Protein backbone atom coordinates (compact mmCIF):
# COMPACT_ATOMS: atom_id res chain seq x y z
CA MET A 1 110.20 110.18 25.51
CA ARG A 2 110.30 110.32 29.30
CA THR A 3 109.82 113.70 30.97
CA LEU A 4 113.44 113.87 32.16
CA GLU A 5 114.69 113.01 28.68
CA TYR A 6 112.63 115.86 27.27
CA ALA A 7 113.99 118.23 29.91
CA GLU A 8 117.56 117.34 29.03
CA SER A 9 116.98 117.49 25.27
CA THR A 10 115.96 121.16 25.21
CA ASP A 11 118.37 124.04 24.65
CA ARG A 12 117.33 125.72 27.89
CA ARG A 13 116.41 124.54 31.34
CA ILE A 14 112.67 123.90 31.49
CA ALA A 15 110.27 124.91 34.23
CA ILE A 16 106.69 123.84 34.78
CA THR A 17 103.95 126.24 35.81
CA ILE A 18 100.88 124.10 36.43
CA GLY A 19 97.97 125.43 34.43
CA SER A 20 97.37 128.58 32.39
CA ARG A 21 94.64 130.19 34.46
CA PRO A 22 96.36 133.60 34.73
CA GLY A 23 95.82 133.79 30.97
CA VAL A 24 92.10 134.15 31.68
CA GLU A 25 92.93 137.40 33.49
CA TYR A 26 95.31 138.51 30.72
CA ALA A 27 92.57 138.01 28.13
CA GLY A 28 89.92 139.81 30.21
CA LEU A 29 87.59 136.82 30.29
CA SER A 30 85.48 135.27 33.01
CA ASP A 31 85.98 131.73 34.26
CA ARG A 32 82.52 130.82 33.03
CA GLU A 33 83.32 132.00 29.51
CA ILE A 34 86.39 129.80 29.15
CA MET A 35 84.54 126.75 30.46
CA GLU A 36 81.61 127.23 28.06
CA ASP A 37 83.51 128.23 24.91
CA ALA A 38 86.58 126.41 23.57
CA ARG A 39 87.54 129.42 21.45
CA LYS A 40 87.74 131.63 24.51
CA LYS A 41 89.67 128.93 26.37
CA VAL A 42 92.22 128.97 23.54
CA GLN A 43 92.28 132.76 23.68
CA ALA A 44 93.16 132.66 27.39
CA VAL A 45 95.84 129.97 26.99
CA SER A 46 97.34 131.82 24.02
CA ALA A 47 97.56 134.99 26.10
CA PHE A 48 99.55 133.05 28.68
CA VAL A 49 101.83 131.48 26.06
CA ARG A 50 102.54 134.81 24.35
CA ARG A 51 103.52 136.39 27.63
CA HIS A 52 105.64 133.60 29.13
CA ASP A 53 106.67 131.22 26.32
CA PRO A 54 106.35 128.06 28.45
CA ASP A 55 107.86 124.81 27.21
CA ILE A 56 104.86 122.81 28.44
CA VAL A 57 101.47 124.27 27.54
CA PHE A 58 98.40 123.56 29.63
CA SER A 59 94.87 124.16 28.51
CA ILE A 60 92.43 125.00 31.30
CA ALA A 61 90.48 121.99 32.56
CA GLY A 62 87.38 122.18 34.71
CA PRO A 63 88.08 120.17 37.87
CA MET A 64 84.63 118.55 37.66
CA GLY A 65 85.01 117.47 34.02
CA GLU A 66 85.35 113.72 34.54
CA ALA A 67 82.62 113.65 37.19
CA GLN A 68 80.25 115.56 34.90
CA THR A 69 80.57 112.86 32.25
CA LEU A 70 79.55 110.27 34.86
CA GLY A 71 76.40 112.03 36.00
CA ALA A 72 77.44 114.83 38.33
CA ARG A 73 75.75 118.16 37.69
CA VAL A 74 77.75 121.36 37.99
CA SER A 75 77.22 125.07 38.07
CA LEU A 76 79.65 127.51 36.50
CA PRO A 77 80.23 130.64 38.57
CA GLU A 78 81.30 133.76 36.74
CA PHE A 79 84.57 133.65 38.65
CA GLY A 80 85.82 130.46 40.25
CA SER A 81 85.92 126.75 39.52
CA PRO A 82 82.88 124.62 38.57
CA VAL A 83 80.86 123.55 41.60
CA ALA A 84 78.92 120.29 42.04
CA THR A 85 75.17 120.75 42.49
CA PHE A 86 74.36 117.03 42.30
CA ARG A 87 76.50 114.00 43.10
CA PRO A 88 74.98 110.77 41.70
CA LEU A 89 76.46 108.52 44.42
CA GLU A 90 75.99 110.82 47.39
CA SER A 91 72.78 109.23 48.65
CA THR A 92 72.99 105.82 46.97
CA ASP A 93 75.51 103.10 46.13
CA ASN A 94 73.64 102.17 42.95
CA LEU A 95 76.23 102.31 40.18
CA GLY A 96 73.38 102.44 37.69
CA GLN A 97 73.16 106.13 38.54
CA LEU A 98 76.42 106.71 36.67
CA THR A 99 76.17 107.70 33.00
CA VAL A 100 78.82 105.24 31.88
CA ASP A 101 77.50 104.94 28.30
CA ALA A 102 77.54 108.66 27.59
CA GLU A 103 79.98 110.17 25.09
CA PRO A 104 82.41 112.25 27.19
CA CYS A 105 82.67 115.10 24.69
CA SER A 106 78.89 115.57 24.78
CA PHE A 107 79.43 117.22 28.17
CA MET A 108 80.55 120.83 28.24
CA LEU A 109 83.67 120.64 30.40
CA CYS A 110 85.16 117.67 28.56
CA GLY A 111 84.04 118.85 25.13
CA THR A 112 85.55 122.32 25.37
CA LEU A 113 88.77 120.91 26.82
CA VAL A 114 89.29 118.39 24.02
CA GLU A 115 88.41 120.96 21.36
CA SER A 116 90.88 123.44 22.84
CA ILE A 117 93.64 120.81 22.88
CA GLY A 118 93.15 120.24 19.15
CA VAL A 119 93.49 123.94 18.37
CA LEU A 120 96.46 124.48 20.71
CA ALA A 121 98.33 121.48 19.30
CA LYS A 122 98.13 123.04 15.84
CA MET A 123 99.08 126.49 17.11
CA TYR A 124 102.13 125.30 19.06
CA PRO A 125 103.51 122.20 17.34
CA GLU A 126 106.97 122.83 18.81
CA LYS A 127 105.71 122.68 22.40
CA LEU A 128 104.33 119.93 24.61
CA VAL A 129 100.59 120.60 24.73
CA THR A 130 99.26 118.83 27.79
CA ALA A 131 96.36 116.46 28.35
CA THR A 132 94.94 117.05 31.82
CA VAL A 133 92.86 114.58 33.80
CA ILE A 134 91.75 114.30 37.41
CA GLY A 135 92.82 111.17 39.27
CA PRO A 136 90.33 108.40 40.10
CA LEU A 137 90.14 108.86 43.86
CA THR A 138 89.44 112.57 43.50
CA VAL A 139 86.73 111.90 40.91
CA ALA A 140 85.18 109.29 43.20
CA GLY A 141 85.03 111.96 45.92
CA GLN A 142 83.32 114.32 43.48
CA LEU A 143 80.70 111.67 42.66
CA MET A 144 79.84 110.72 46.24
CA GLY A 145 81.29 113.45 48.43
CA VAL A 146 84.74 113.33 49.99
CA GLU A 147 83.46 112.38 53.46
CA LYS A 148 81.57 109.36 52.12
CA MET A 149 84.53 108.35 49.97
CA LEU A 150 86.86 108.45 52.97
CA MET A 151 84.41 106.39 55.04
CA LYS A 152 84.28 103.78 52.28
CA SER A 153 88.08 103.71 52.13
CA VAL A 154 87.94 102.34 55.68
CA GLU A 155 84.65 100.47 55.93
CA ALA A 156 83.69 99.38 52.40
CA ARG A 157 86.79 99.12 50.26
CA ASP A 158 85.30 96.63 47.81
CA SER A 159 82.42 99.01 47.13
CA LEU A 160 84.81 101.91 46.60
CA ALA A 161 87.02 99.77 44.35
CA ARG A 162 84.06 99.12 42.02
CA VAL A 163 83.55 102.86 41.66
CA LEU A 164 87.27 103.39 41.07
CA ASP A 165 87.29 100.78 38.31
CA ILE A 166 84.53 102.64 36.45
CA VAL A 167 86.09 106.03 37.05
CA THR A 168 89.54 104.89 35.87
CA GLU A 169 88.16 103.65 32.57
CA ARG A 170 86.41 107.00 32.05
CA VAL A 171 89.57 108.95 32.93
CA ILE A 172 91.57 106.90 30.42
CA ALA A 173 88.90 107.47 27.75
CA ILE A 174 89.04 111.24 28.29
CA LEU A 175 92.82 111.12 28.25
CA GLN A 176 92.83 109.26 24.95
CA LEU A 177 90.49 111.85 23.42
CA GLN A 178 92.99 114.57 24.31
CA ILE A 179 95.89 112.58 22.88
CA GLU A 180 93.95 111.99 19.66
CA ALA A 181 93.40 115.76 19.52
CA GLY A 182 97.16 116.33 19.65
CA ALA A 183 98.31 116.35 23.29
CA ARG A 184 101.90 115.16 23.76
CA HIS A 185 102.25 115.39 27.54
CA LEU A 186 100.02 114.18 30.37
CA HIS A 187 99.23 115.85 33.68
CA VAL A 188 97.31 113.83 36.28
CA ALA A 189 96.08 115.72 39.35
CA ASP A 190 94.76 113.60 42.23
CA PRO A 191 94.68 115.93 45.26
CA THR A 192 92.28 113.86 47.36
CA SER A 193 94.77 110.97 47.44
CA SER A 194 96.85 112.86 49.98
CA LEU A 195 94.03 112.41 52.52
CA LEU A 196 94.64 108.64 52.61
CA SER A 197 97.13 106.94 54.87
CA PRO A 198 100.16 105.59 53.00
CA MET A 199 98.81 102.02 53.23
CA SER A 200 95.36 103.06 51.99
CA PHE A 201 97.02 105.01 49.20
CA SER A 202 98.91 101.88 48.13
CA GLU A 203 95.65 99.92 47.94
CA LEU A 204 93.11 102.48 46.72
CA SER A 205 95.02 104.99 44.65
CA LEU A 206 98.27 103.43 43.43
CA PRO A 207 96.76 100.60 41.30
CA TYR A 208 94.47 103.00 39.44
CA LEU A 209 97.15 105.63 38.86
CA LYS A 210 99.43 102.89 37.49
CA ARG A 211 96.66 101.83 35.12
CA ILE A 212 96.40 105.38 33.77
CA PHE A 213 100.13 105.89 33.28
CA LYS A 214 100.57 102.49 31.66
CA SER A 215 97.84 103.35 29.15
CA VAL A 216 99.93 106.07 27.46
CA GLN A 217 103.30 106.35 25.75
CA ILE A 218 103.82 110.10 26.17
CA SER A 219 105.80 112.11 28.71
CA ASN A 220 103.81 112.72 31.85
CA HIS A 221 103.69 113.86 35.42
CA LEU A 222 101.56 113.34 38.50
CA HIS A 223 100.60 116.04 40.98
CA ILE A 224 99.17 115.39 44.43
CA CYS A 225 98.63 118.33 46.77
CA GLY A 226 99.37 118.37 50.48
CA ASN A 227 101.87 116.66 52.72
CA THR A 228 102.88 113.45 50.97
CA ASN A 229 106.21 112.90 52.76
CA ASN A 230 104.98 109.53 54.03
CA HIS A 231 103.67 108.55 50.58
CA LEU A 232 106.86 109.09 48.60
CA THR A 233 107.81 105.42 48.35
CA TYR A 234 104.42 104.64 46.81
CA LEU A 235 104.48 107.70 44.54
CA ALA A 236 107.70 106.31 43.09
CA LYS A 237 105.75 103.17 42.09
CA THR A 238 103.00 104.89 40.07
CA THR A 239 105.11 104.56 36.88
CA ALA A 240 104.72 108.32 36.35
CA HIS A 241 107.75 109.88 34.69
CA ALA A 242 107.65 112.82 37.10
CA VAL A 243 105.92 113.72 40.35
CA SER A 244 105.30 117.30 41.37
CA VAL A 245 104.98 117.91 45.09
CA ASP A 246 103.52 120.57 47.34
CA THR A 247 105.37 122.93 49.67
CA GLU A 248 105.24 120.63 52.71
CA VAL A 249 107.28 117.89 51.03
CA ASP A 250 111.01 117.37 51.60
CA MET A 251 112.30 117.79 48.04
CA LYS A 252 115.71 116.25 48.66
CA LYS A 253 114.14 113.20 50.28
CA ALA A 254 111.76 112.89 47.33
CA ALA A 255 114.60 113.15 44.80
CA GLN A 256 116.53 110.41 46.59
CA ILE A 257 113.55 108.08 46.85
CA PHE A 258 112.47 108.60 43.23
CA GLY A 259 115.92 107.86 41.85
CA PRO A 260 117.46 108.89 38.54
CA GLN A 261 114.59 107.88 36.25
CA ILE A 262 111.75 109.78 37.95
CA ALA A 263 111.76 113.57 38.07
CA VAL A 264 110.75 115.42 41.20
CA CYS A 265 109.07 118.73 40.36
CA GLY A 266 108.40 121.74 42.61
CA GLN A 267 107.99 123.69 44.70
CA ILE A 268 107.63 127.44 44.35
CA SER A 269 104.50 128.19 46.36
CA SER A 270 101.59 128.93 44.02
CA ALA A 271 99.46 130.37 46.83
CA GLY A 272 102.42 132.00 48.61
CA VAL A 273 105.31 133.86 47.06
CA LEU A 274 104.12 133.45 43.46
CA LEU A 275 100.68 134.91 44.22
CA ARG A 276 101.50 137.36 47.02
CA GLY A 277 105.20 138.14 46.68
CA THR A 278 107.16 140.54 44.53
CA PRO A 279 109.23 139.61 41.46
CA ARG A 280 112.35 140.03 43.58
CA GLU A 281 111.00 137.67 46.23
CA VAL A 282 110.10 135.13 43.55
CA ASN A 283 113.61 135.46 42.12
CA ASP A 284 115.19 134.90 45.53
CA ALA A 285 112.96 131.93 46.40
CA THR A 286 113.57 130.32 43.01
CA ASN A 287 117.33 130.79 43.23
CA THR A 288 117.37 129.28 46.71
CA MET A 289 115.39 126.29 45.49
CA LEU A 290 117.62 125.79 42.47
CA GLN A 291 120.78 125.95 44.57
CA GLU A 292 119.42 123.50 47.15
CA MET A 293 118.45 121.01 44.45
CA ALA A 294 121.48 121.56 42.18
CA MET A 295 123.01 118.18 43.04
CA PHE A 296 119.95 116.26 41.80
CA ARG A 297 119.81 115.55 38.07
CA ASN A 298 116.22 114.37 38.44
CA TYR A 299 114.95 117.78 39.56
CA ILE A 300 112.65 120.00 37.47
CA PRO A 301 111.63 123.39 38.93
CA ALA A 302 107.88 123.87 39.06
CA THR A 303 105.07 125.57 40.89
CA SER A 304 103.74 123.78 43.96
CA CYS A 305 100.22 123.54 42.53
CA GLY A 306 97.96 125.19 39.98
CA MET A 307 98.24 128.97 39.73
CA PRO A 308 95.27 131.19 40.68
CA ARG A 309 94.06 133.51 37.93
CA ALA A 310 95.12 136.52 40.00
CA THR A 311 98.80 135.48 40.02
CA PRO A 312 100.80 138.53 38.86
CA GLY A 313 102.32 138.01 35.45
CA GLU A 314 105.49 139.72 36.62
CA ASN A 315 105.94 137.04 39.26
CA ILE A 316 105.39 134.20 36.81
CA GLN A 317 107.92 135.73 34.45
CA ALA A 318 110.39 136.21 37.30
CA PHE A 319 110.12 132.47 38.00
CA TYR A 320 110.75 131.55 34.36
CA ASP A 321 113.58 134.05 33.93
CA THR A 322 115.33 132.89 37.09
CA VAL A 323 115.16 129.24 36.05
CA ARG A 324 116.36 129.96 32.53
CA CYS A 325 119.28 132.08 33.71
CA PHE A 326 120.44 129.73 36.46
CA LYS A 327 123.91 128.46 35.77
CA GLN A 328 124.51 124.83 36.60
CA VAL A 329 127.25 122.56 35.36
CA ARG A 330 125.86 119.16 34.37
CA GLU A 331 128.28 116.27 34.44
């Protein structure tokens, strides 16, 4: 089932809040705890689900998970995301430095994520539990450093393409592990792709994203942070069912370019009104967004990016309540 088909098959209008990280705060856990222990990860996600009853359930993925399985070393701060302490391709182009034969679930970030997906899928069989992976270009940047990756995107594209081939196969393998565990929806986040020019995106990101989306038969969506107004034509070609966009993007333009089969998702500001506003301000911003996008059947309201753990629960609930109460006549 395509993402838009799922949205239209439910008995209420759906909304997407990317991630469940505020649940870590609700459960009184540290970020390190939920990365190290799948049971505590489930505890945090369950706290989020109990409070907000989302239609699409996200576990909490470490943003360095794919890179860790390929040889990157990470540290886990008590509060905050995993941080790279060693990048295997930072000072060399020797692909032999990558741990391509390693079992992904033998690494902590991947292992706890897949285990949590299995538990959540059994806990919430009526909901879409989401497989989350990081896109190939972003993982390549994690393995070699973003500056080096960007230099290669200009000066050594063949070399970068070889890395992207390896990374894409690993991303698909980790995705399949999550699907086997019970995931029924896919979220691909590839924030570094927005740093490429549209032409470079079409050559160095688009083919690999297409490979990922064509490898699955479940509903899905792609998220790329930043200003992607000039990339919209190529984003429509990724074969993703839905694309969620950041606050800088012209939503109406995106909806028109994507057409009736591809959902455009967004764009309540995760770092703005949702994090720093009041419930009333969230309600007003959400209503404004819904009214502006009311003419587009391919629109799904969503947050602009992942939510920080400190996001007030009252604001998240105000977003959900406003979406669910919005009256719109569908033809």
